[in-house]
Amino acid sequence: MYATQTDFVGRSPVAAPSRAETFIHAHRFERPTLVLDTEAVAERYAALSSGLGRAAIHYAVKANPAPQIVARLAALGSGFDAASRAEIELCLAQGAAPSAISFGNTVKRAADIAFAHEAGITLFAADAEEEIDKIAEHAPGAQVYIRVLVTATEADWPLSRKFGCAPGKVQPLLARALAAGLRPVGLSFHVGSQTRAARMWLSVLDEVAGVWHAARGAGFDLDLLNIGGGFPAFYGEEVEAPEIYAAQVMRLVTDLFGAVPRVMAEPGRGMVAEAGAIAAEVMLVSRKCDTDAYRWVYLDIGKFSGLAETMDEAIRYQFATDRDHEAMGPCILAGPSCDSADVLYEKRPVLLPLGLKAGDRVIIRNAGAYTSSYASVGFNGFPPLDVVVI
């Protein structure tokens, strides 16, 4: 486990290098590059599978859509949570069976529903009347699960506003699906991204369990519970080992829901974050005035080229440099673009070597999730994040 710091972001001086980091140390890169280790993904899949037990993993493809990762997971027997036609096509092309893919976005184009149905996808998410009607028209007879809006999340990054319906709408939507010839099979929710401890699931699970038992009590034959994502990665604050974490979550599920016939989980960040590291470079170190408390360190990668999750400093990456044996000091970390929003960490400065200068290499650890998939196509002329898979 990496050492942690409470006052600053980004120091992990005792961390053993990952295989991705070792690869970076052995190579030079002309531009920011994400190195992904598919063996680390396979190891994490095995750990989560062991902990989740009977729950089926549907990897959240949006976390990292590298074809090599999808292919490796498909070969291991993973299912997939797809949010678009393109993600469905990717999964099918990499060997996933249609029965292993769920169309989990609750906002779908009608033509894409029809495409998925024709491709053999049978499981769809919904959280609104119109979405139910679209699925009924373009994927007749399909299975649907209703996403529930949850409010009791303790996650670092709650995801409870855009998706899901209020608990009071669940039964009317189940009834609408049934009347439209669909098979309303269950419920889904998202506990929130980066829920660092399994105990933090309890309030959300308790909230959803009330909806589940009420629906079953009203005569709806629900047999599928999709517990979504939320499985954490290490960003400086201690997290439980993935197998232990997953097993604890499943014990809570069993305690609150009973013997649910089918349970799905959709790990994304928790599956791939720690399998990747980014090779970056310092572009400039400066102070705005001689009395500034903090240096500004500008990297060749920023919010628009892969580090979008530094928005509101929600995800706190760890950094390693070739100068980590030197004296350290806090700094404000920023990206290279001509956009004032491209500041990564300022509220909580980053501890980096005082001798850091332009041209020095910086490794961004545990950066395999939501980096290459969030990178722009070239905002301000800076290239998108390169990806190397080992």
Protein backbone atom coordinates (compact mmCIF):
# COMPACT_ATOMS: atom_id res chain seq x y z
CA MET A 1 0.00 0.00 0.00
CA TYR A 2 1.27 3.46 -0.85
CA ALA A 3 2.12 5.94 1.89
CA THR A 4 -0.46 8.67 2.29
CA GLN A 5 -0.34 12.35 3.19
CA THR A 6 -3.15 14.36 4.71
CA ASP A 7 -1.92 17.86 3.97
CA PHE A 8 -0.95 17.60 0.32
CA VAL A 9 -1.93 15.68 -2.77
CA GLY A 10 0.22 13.34 -4.74
CA ARG A 11 3.11 11.88 -2.72
CA SER A 12 3.69 8.15 -2.80
CA PRO A 13 7.42 7.82 -2.04
CA VAL A 14 7.38 4.21 -0.84
CA ALA A 15 5.29 2.77 -3.66
CA ALA A 16 6.75 -0.14 -5.55
CA PRO A 17 6.67 0.61 -9.28
CA SER A 18 3.89 -1.09 -11.20
CA ARG A 19 4.61 -2.89 -14.45
CA ALA A 20 3.23 0.12 -16.31
CA GLU A 21 5.63 2.43 -14.43
CA THR A 22 8.55 0.10 -15.10
CA PHE A 23 7.72 0.25 -18.81
CA ILE A 24 7.65 4.05 -18.67
CA HIS A 25 11.05 4.16 -16.97
CA ALA A 26 12.48 2.02 -19.77
CA HIS A 27 11.15 4.21 -22.60
CA ARG A 28 10.98 7.83 -23.70
CA PHE A 29 7.80 9.45 -24.96
CA GLU A 30 7.40 12.49 -27.18
CA ARG A 31 3.94 13.30 -25.80
CA PRO A 32 1.76 12.35 -22.82
CA THR A 33 1.20 8.59 -22.96
CA LEU A 34 -0.97 6.24 -20.97
CA VAL A 35 0.58 2.80 -20.48
CA LEU A 36 -1.94 0.05 -19.72
CA ASP A 37 -1.14 -3.37 -18.29
CA THR A 38 -3.74 -5.95 -19.30
CA GLU A 39 -2.28 -8.46 -16.84
CA ALA A 40 -3.09 -6.06 -14.00
CA VAL A 41 -6.65 -5.82 -15.33
CA ALA A 42 -6.91 -9.61 -15.34
CA GLU A 43 -5.61 -9.77 -11.76
CA ARG A 44 -8.15 -7.18 -10.61
CA TYR A 45 -10.96 -9.03 -12.41
CA ALA A 46 -9.99 -12.23 -10.58
CA ALA A 47 -9.95 -10.44 -7.21
CA LEU A 48 -13.31 -8.76 -7.74
CA SER A 49 -14.86 -11.97 -9.07
CA SER A 50 -13.70 -13.86 -6.01
CA GLY A 51 -15.14 -11.26 -3.67
CA LEU A 52 -18.40 -10.77 -5.55
CA GLY A 53 -19.04 -14.50 -5.70
CA ARG A 54 -22.34 -15.16 -7.46
CA ALA A 55 -22.65 -11.59 -8.76
CA ALA A 56 -21.93 -11.22 -12.47
CA ILE A 57 -19.41 -8.55 -13.44
CA HIS A 58 -20.42 -6.23 -16.28
CA TYR A 59 -17.33 -4.08 -16.85
CA ALA A 60 -18.23 -0.41 -17.38
CA VAL A 61 -16.66 0.07 -20.79
CA LYS A 62 -16.65 3.87 -20.51
CA ALA A 63 -13.92 3.67 -17.86
CA ASN A 64 -11.42 2.58 -20.50
CA PRO A 65 -12.50 1.31 -23.93
CA ALA A 66 -9.11 0.02 -25.04
CA PRO A 67 -9.88 -2.96 -27.30
CA GLN A 68 -7.16 -5.03 -25.63
CA ILE A 69 -8.79 -4.59 -22.23
CA VAL A 70 -12.23 -5.49 -23.56
CA ALA A 71 -10.82 -8.55 -25.35
CA ARG A 72 -8.96 -9.73 -22.25
CA LEU A 73 -12.03 -9.37 -20.07
CA ALA A 74 -14.25 -11.09 -22.64
CA ALA A 75 -11.85 -14.03 -22.69
CA LEU A 76 -12.06 -14.19 -18.89
CA GLY A 77 -15.86 -14.41 -19.03
CA SER A 78 -16.74 -10.86 -18.03
CA GLY A 79 -19.97 -9.18 -19.02
CA PHE A 80 -20.09 -5.56 -20.17
CA ASP A 81 -22.07 -2.44 -19.36
CA ALA A 82 -22.31 -0.49 -22.63
CA ALA A 83 -23.53 3.10 -22.84
CA SER A 84 -23.71 3.52 -26.61
CA ARG A 85 -23.89 1.73 -29.95
CA ALA A 86 -20.15 2.23 -30.39
CA GLU A 87 -19.42 0.48 -27.09
CA ILE A 88 -21.72 -2.39 -28.03
CA GLU A 89 -19.93 -2.75 -31.38
CA LEU A 90 -16.57 -2.68 -29.59
CA CYS A 91 -17.58 -5.44 -27.18
CA LEU A 92 -18.98 -7.64 -29.95
CA ALA A 93 -15.87 -7.12 -32.07
CA GLN A 94 -13.66 -8.20 -29.16
CA GLY A 95 -15.51 -11.46 -28.60
CA ALA A 96 -18.25 -10.63 -26.11
CA ALA A 97 -21.50 -12.53 -26.55
CA PRO A 98 -24.66 -10.40 -26.91
CA SER A 99 -26.06 -12.08 -23.81
CA ALA A 100 -23.10 -10.69 -21.83
CA ILE A 101 -23.82 -7.06 -22.76
CA SER A 102 -26.31 -4.76 -21.05
CA PHE A 103 -27.33 -1.41 -22.56
CA GLY A 104 -27.02 0.52 -19.32
CA ASN A 105 -27.45 4.13 -20.45
CA THR A 106 -30.93 5.40 -19.57
CA VAL A 107 -30.77 7.93 -22.44
CA LYS A 108 -30.68 6.02 -25.72
CA ARG A 109 -31.35 6.92 -29.34
CA ALA A 110 -34.25 4.87 -30.74
CA ALA A 111 -32.11 3.70 -33.66
CA ASP A 112 -29.46 2.45 -31.24
CA ILE A 113 -32.04 0.50 -29.25
CA ALA A 114 -33.13 -1.14 -32.50
CA PHE A 115 -29.50 -1.88 -33.41
CA ALA A 116 -28.86 -3.46 -30.02
CA HIS A 117 -32.01 -5.55 -30.28
CA GLU A 118 -31.03 -6.78 -33.74
CA ALA A 119 -27.55 -7.61 -32.42
CA GLY A 120 -29.08 -9.84 -29.73
CA ILE A 121 -28.87 -7.52 -26.71
CA THR A 122 -31.77 -8.34 -24.38
CA LEU A 123 -31.15 -6.23 -21.26
CA PHE A 124 -31.83 -2.48 -21.16
CA ALA A 125 -31.92 0.25 -18.50
CA ALA A 126 -34.62 2.91 -18.17
CA ASP A 127 -35.66 5.63 -15.76
CA ALA A 128 -38.48 7.44 -17.60
CA GLU A 129 -41.79 6.73 -19.34
CA GLU A 130 -40.56 7.75 -22.78
CA GLU A 131 -37.53 5.47 -22.50
CA ILE A 132 -39.81 2.56 -21.63
CA ASP A 133 -41.92 3.34 -24.72
CA LYS A 134 -38.84 3.51 -26.97
CA ILE A 135 -37.58 0.15 -25.74
CA ALA A 136 -41.01 -1.43 -26.16
CA GLU A 137 -41.22 -0.19 -29.75
CA HIS A 138 -37.68 -0.99 -30.87
CA ALA A 139 -36.76 -3.98 -28.67
CA PRO A 140 -40.07 -5.77 -28.11
CA GLY A 141 -40.05 -8.33 -25.34
CA ALA A 142 -36.74 -7.09 -23.91
CA GLN A 143 -35.81 -7.23 -20.25
CA VAL A 144 -35.66 -3.84 -18.53
CA TYR A 145 -34.40 -2.71 -15.17
CA ILE A 146 -35.32 0.62 -13.62
CA ARG A 147 -32.55 2.86 -12.32
CA VAL A 148 -33.35 4.37 -8.94
CA LEU A 149 -32.18 7.82 -7.89
CA VAL A 150 -30.36 7.52 -4.55
CA THR A 151 -29.70 10.31 -2.06
CA ALA A 152 -27.77 8.72 0.80
CA THR A 153 -24.41 8.33 -0.94
CA GLU A 154 -21.15 8.76 0.95
CA ALA A 155 -19.00 8.57 -2.19
CA ASP A 156 -16.22 11.02 -2.93
CA TRP A 157 -18.00 11.78 -6.20
CA PRO A 158 -21.80 11.30 -5.98
CA LEU A 159 -23.58 10.40 -9.22
CA SER A 160 -27.14 10.85 -8.06
CA ARG A 161 -28.53 13.73 -10.09
CA LYS A 162 -28.54 13.04 -13.82
CA PHE A 163 -29.68 9.41 -13.87
CA GLY A 164 -32.40 7.51 -12.07
CA CYS A 165 -35.98 8.14 -11.05
CA ALA A 166 -37.39 8.92 -7.63
CA PRO A 167 -38.46 5.83 -5.65
CA GLY A 168 -42.11 6.78 -6.07
CA LYS A 169 -41.87 6.39 -9.85
CA VAL A 170 -40.40 2.90 -9.82
CA GLN A 171 -43.63 0.90 -9.59
CA PRO A 172 -45.48 2.99 -12.23
CA LEU A 173 -42.53 2.45 -14.61
CA LEU A 174 -42.49 -1.29 -13.89
CA ALA A 175 -46.22 -1.40 -14.60
CA ARG A 176 -45.79 0.59 -17.82
CA ALA A 177 -43.07 -1.79 -19.00
CA LEU A 178 -45.24 -4.81 -18.24
CA ALA A 179 -48.21 -3.34 -20.07
CA ALA A 180 -45.99 -2.58 -23.08
CA GLY A 181 -44.94 -6.22 -23.41
CA LEU A 182 -41.52 -5.83 -21.83
CA ARG A 183 -40.10 -7.92 -18.99
CA PRO A 184 -39.47 -5.64 -15.98
CA VAL A 185 -36.88 -7.74 -14.21
CA GLY A 186 -35.25 -5.53 -11.62
CA LEU A 187 -33.64 -2.37 -10.32
CA SER A 188 -30.29 -0.63 -10.63
CA PHE A 189 -28.57 2.24 -8.85
CA HIS A 190 -25.12 3.80 -8.51
CA VAL A 191 -23.67 4.28 -5.05
CA GLY A 192 -21.33 6.99 -6.40
CA SER A 193 -17.82 6.97 -7.80
CA GLN A 194 -14.91 6.24 -5.48
CA THR A 195 -16.86 4.88 -2.52
CA ARG A 196 -13.71 4.14 -0.56
CA ALA A 197 -15.04 1.71 2.07
CA ALA A 198 -17.62 -1.05 1.74
CA ARG A 199 -19.46 0.19 4.84
CA MET A 200 -20.26 3.39 2.90
CA TRP A 201 -22.70 1.33 0.79
CA LEU A 202 -25.00 0.63 3.71
CA SER A 203 -27.23 3.72 3.57
CA VAL A 204 -27.72 3.47 -0.19
CA LEU A 205 -28.42 -0.26 -0.09
CA ASP A 206 -30.92 0.28 2.69
CA GLU A 207 -32.63 2.98 0.60
CA VAL A 208 -32.88 0.78 -2.50
CA ALA A 209 -33.87 -2.31 -0.51
CA GLY A 210 -37.00 -0.49 0.63
CA VAL A 211 -37.93 0.16 -3.00
CA TRP A 212 -37.12 -3.45 -3.95
CA HIS A 213 -39.22 -5.06 -1.25
CA ALA A 214 -42.12 -2.66 -1.87
CA ALA A 215 -42.14 -3.55 -5.57
CA ARG A 216 -42.03 -7.26 -4.89
CA GLY A 217 -44.76 -6.85 -2.31
CA ALA A 218 -46.88 -5.14 -4.97
CA GLY A 219 -46.61 -8.22 -7.17
CA PHE A 220 -43.68 -7.39 -9.45
CA ASP A 221 -41.57 -10.50 -9.95
CA LEU A 222 -38.15 -8.85 -9.72
CA ASP A 223 -35.15 -11.15 -9.97
CA LEU A 224 -32.28 -8.84 -11.00
CA LEU A 225 -30.42 -6.33 -8.82
CA ASN A 226 -27.76 -4.26 -10.58
CA ILE A 227 -25.56 -2.70 -7.88
CA GLY A 228 -23.63 -0.60 -10.40
CA GLY A 229 -20.12 0.70 -9.84
CA GLY A 230 -18.43 2.65 -7.08
CA PHE A 231 -15.57 0.18 -6.55
CA PRO A 232 -12.60 2.37 -5.64
CA ALA A 233 -9.00 2.81 -6.74
CA PHE A 234 -6.09 4.11 -4.72
CA TYR A 235 -5.50 7.87 -5.07
CA GLY A 236 -3.66 8.53 -1.83
CA GLU A 237 -6.30 7.60 0.73
CA GLU A 238 -6.39 4.04 1.96
CA VAL A 239 -8.87 1.67 0.31
CA GLU A 240 -9.68 -1.93 1.14
CA ALA A 241 -8.28 -4.76 -0.96
CA PRO A 242 -10.66 -5.43 -3.87
CA GLU A 243 -11.57 -9.00 -2.90
CA ILE A 244 -12.31 -8.03 0.70
CA TYR A 245 -14.22 -4.92 -0.36
CA ALA A 246 -16.39 -6.81 -2.86
CA ALA A 247 -17.14 -9.59 -0.39
CA GLN A 248 -18.24 -7.06 2.23
CA VAL A 249 -20.54 -5.35 -0.26
CA MET A 250 -22.12 -8.68 -1.18
CA ARG A 251 -22.70 -9.52 2.50
CA LEU A 252 -24.58 -6.23 2.85
CA VAL A 253 -26.60 -7.00 -0.29
CA THR A 254 -27.59 -10.42 1.05
CA ASP A 255 -28.46 -9.02 4.49
CA LEU A 256 -30.74 -6.31 3.06
CA PHE A 257 -32.21 -7.91 -0.08
CA GLY A 258 -32.19 -11.60 0.73
CA ALA A 259 -31.57 -14.29 -1.87
CA VAL A 260 -31.79 -12.24 -5.07
CA PRO A 261 -31.63 -14.68 -8.02
CA ARG A 262 -29.42 -12.43 -10.17
CA VAL A 263 -26.96 -9.76 -9.02
CA MET A 264 -24.89 -7.64 -11.40
CA ALA A 265 -21.98 -5.31 -10.62
CA GLU A 266 -20.48 -2.74 -12.98
CA PRO A 267 -16.92 -1.95 -11.85
CA GLY A 268 -15.11 0.51 -14.08
CA ARG A 269 -12.60 2.63 -12.14
CA GLY A 270 -12.02 -0.23 -9.70
CA MET A 271 -11.19 -2.55 -12.59
CA VAL A 272 -8.72 -0.49 -14.61
CA ALA A 273 -7.44 2.58 -12.73
CA GLU A 274 -4.52 0.84 -11.06
CA ALA A 275 -3.58 -0.91 -14.31
CA GLY A 276 -2.44 2.32 -15.95
CA ALA A 277 0.19 5.04 -15.53
CA ILE A 278 0.75 8.19 -17.57
CA ALA A 279 4.15 9.40 -18.74
CA ALA A 280 4.09 13.20 -18.58
CA GLU A 281 6.64 16.02 -18.61
CA VAL A 282 7.15 19.30 -16.80
CA MET A 283 6.80 22.25 -19.17
CA LEU A 284 7.41 25.12 -16.75
CA VAL A 285 8.00 25.88 -13.08
CA SER A 286 7.32 29.46 -12.00
CA ARG A 287 6.07 31.82 -9.29
CA LYS A 288 3.58 34.61 -9.94
CA CYS A 289 5.59 36.86 -7.62
CA ASP A 290 8.62 36.50 -5.38
CA THR A 291 6.45 36.26 -2.26
CA ASP A 292 4.17 33.49 -3.56
CA ALA A 293 3.74 30.65 -1.09
CA TYR A 294 3.49 28.09 -3.86
CA ARG A 295 5.26 27.39 -7.13
CA TRP A 296 3.22 26.73 -10.23
CA VAL A 297 4.19 23.52 -12.01
CA TYR A 298 2.80 23.15 -15.54
CA LEU A 299 2.62 19.68 -17.11
CA ASP A 300 2.20 18.75 -20.77
CA ILE A 301 -1.13 17.11 -19.86
CA GLY A 302 -4.15 18.80 -18.34
CA LYS A 303 -7.90 18.76 -17.95
CA PHE A 304 -8.53 18.62 -21.69
CA SER A 305 -5.96 15.96 -22.56
CA GLY A 306 -6.84 13.24 -20.09
CA LEU A 307 -7.12 14.64 -16.57
CA ALA A 308 -10.75 15.78 -16.69
CA GLU A 309 -11.43 14.07 -13.37
CA THR A 310 -9.35 16.69 -11.57
CA MET A 311 -12.45 18.87 -11.96
CA ASP A 312 -13.26 20.19 -8.48
CA GLU A 313 -10.17 18.21 -7.43
CA ALA A 314 -12.45 15.18 -7.12
CA ILE A 315 -9.87 12.58 -8.13
CA ARG A 316 -6.45 13.11 -6.59
CA TYR A 317 -3.78 11.41 -8.65
CA GLN A 318 -0.43 10.32 -7.23
CA PHE A 319 2.82 11.48 -8.83
CA ALA A 320 6.35 10.10 -9.05
CA THR A 321 9.46 11.80 -10.43
CA ASP A 322 13.16 11.02 -10.84
CA ARG A 323 13.85 13.63 -8.14
CA ASP A 324 11.81 12.07 -5.35
CA HIS A 325 14.97 11.71 -3.23
CA GLU A 326 15.31 15.52 -3.11
CA ALA A 327 13.72 18.07 -0.78
CA MET A 328 10.00 18.51 -1.35
CA GLY A 329 7.64 21.47 -1.33
CA PRO A 330 4.00 22.25 -2.17
CA CYS A 331 3.00 23.54 -5.59
CA ILE A 332 -0.04 24.36 -7.68
CA LEU A 333 -0.32 21.91 -10.57
CA ALA A 334 -1.71 23.01 -13.94
CA GLY A 335 -2.05 21.84 -17.52
CA PRO A 336 -0.53 23.37 -20.66
CA SER A 337 -3.53 24.84 -22.47
CA CYS A 338 -4.46 28.51 -22.81
CA ASP A 339 -7.56 28.04 -20.69
CA SER A 340 -7.74 29.36 -17.15
CA ALA A 341 -9.86 26.36 -16.13
CA ASP A 342 -6.90 24.07 -16.83
CA VAL A 343 -5.68 24.06 -13.23
CA LEU A 344 -5.50 20.58 -11.73
CA TYR A 345 -4.82 21.10 -8.01
CA GLU A 346 -4.85 24.46 -6.24
CA LYS A 347 -7.19 24.14 -3.26
CA ARG A 348 -5.01 21.34 -1.94
CA PRO A 349 -1.50 21.77 -3.33
CA VAL A 350 0.72 18.95 -4.52
CA LEU A 351 3.96 18.01 -2.81
CA LEU A 352 6.71 17.72 -5.45
CA PRO A 353 10.53 18.07 -5.52
CA LEU A 354 11.82 21.62 -5.13
CA GLY A 355 14.36 20.99 -7.87
CA LEU A 356 11.74 20.09 -10.47
CA LYS A 357 12.31 21.88 -13.78
CA ALA A 358 11.17 21.93 -17.40
CA GLY A 359 11.89 18.68 -19.18
CA ASP A 360 11.69 16.49 -16.07
CA ARG A 361 9.56 13.38 -16.35
CA VAL A 362 6.50 12.93 -14.14
CA ILE A 363 4.62 9.64 -13.81
CA ILE A 364 0.93 9.88 -12.93
CA ARG A 365 0.04 6.71 -11.07
CA ASN A 366 -3.20 4.72 -11.14
CA ALA A 367 -4.44 6.65 -14.17
CA GLY A 368 -5.99 3.83 -16.18
CA ALA A 369 -9.61 4.98 -15.72
CA TYR A 370 -11.33 7.92 -17.40
CA THR A 371 -8.16 9.41 -18.89
CA SER A 372 -7.82 8.28 -22.50
CA SER A 373 -11.62 8.17 -22.82
CA TYR A 374 -11.95 11.76 -21.56
CA ALA A 375 -9.09 13.22 -23.60
CA SER A 376 -10.06 15.75 -26.27
CA VAL A 377 -9.16 15.28 -29.92
CA GLY A 378 -6.71 18.15 -29.67
CA PHE A 379 -7.98 21.21 -27.81
CA ASN A 380 -5.67 24.21 -28.24
CA GLY A 381 -3.48 22.14 -30.55
CA PHE A 382 -2.25 19.82 -27.80
CA PRO A 383 -2.45 16.17 -28.87
CA PRO A 384 -4.83 13.68 -27.29
CA LEU A 385 -3.41 11.16 -24.89
CA ASP A 386 -1.44 8.38 -26.57
CA VAL A 387 -2.10 4.83 -25.34
CA VAL A 388 0.36 1.94 -25.18
CA VAL A 389 -0.89 -1.48 -24.05
CA ILE A 390 1.54 -3.99 -22.61
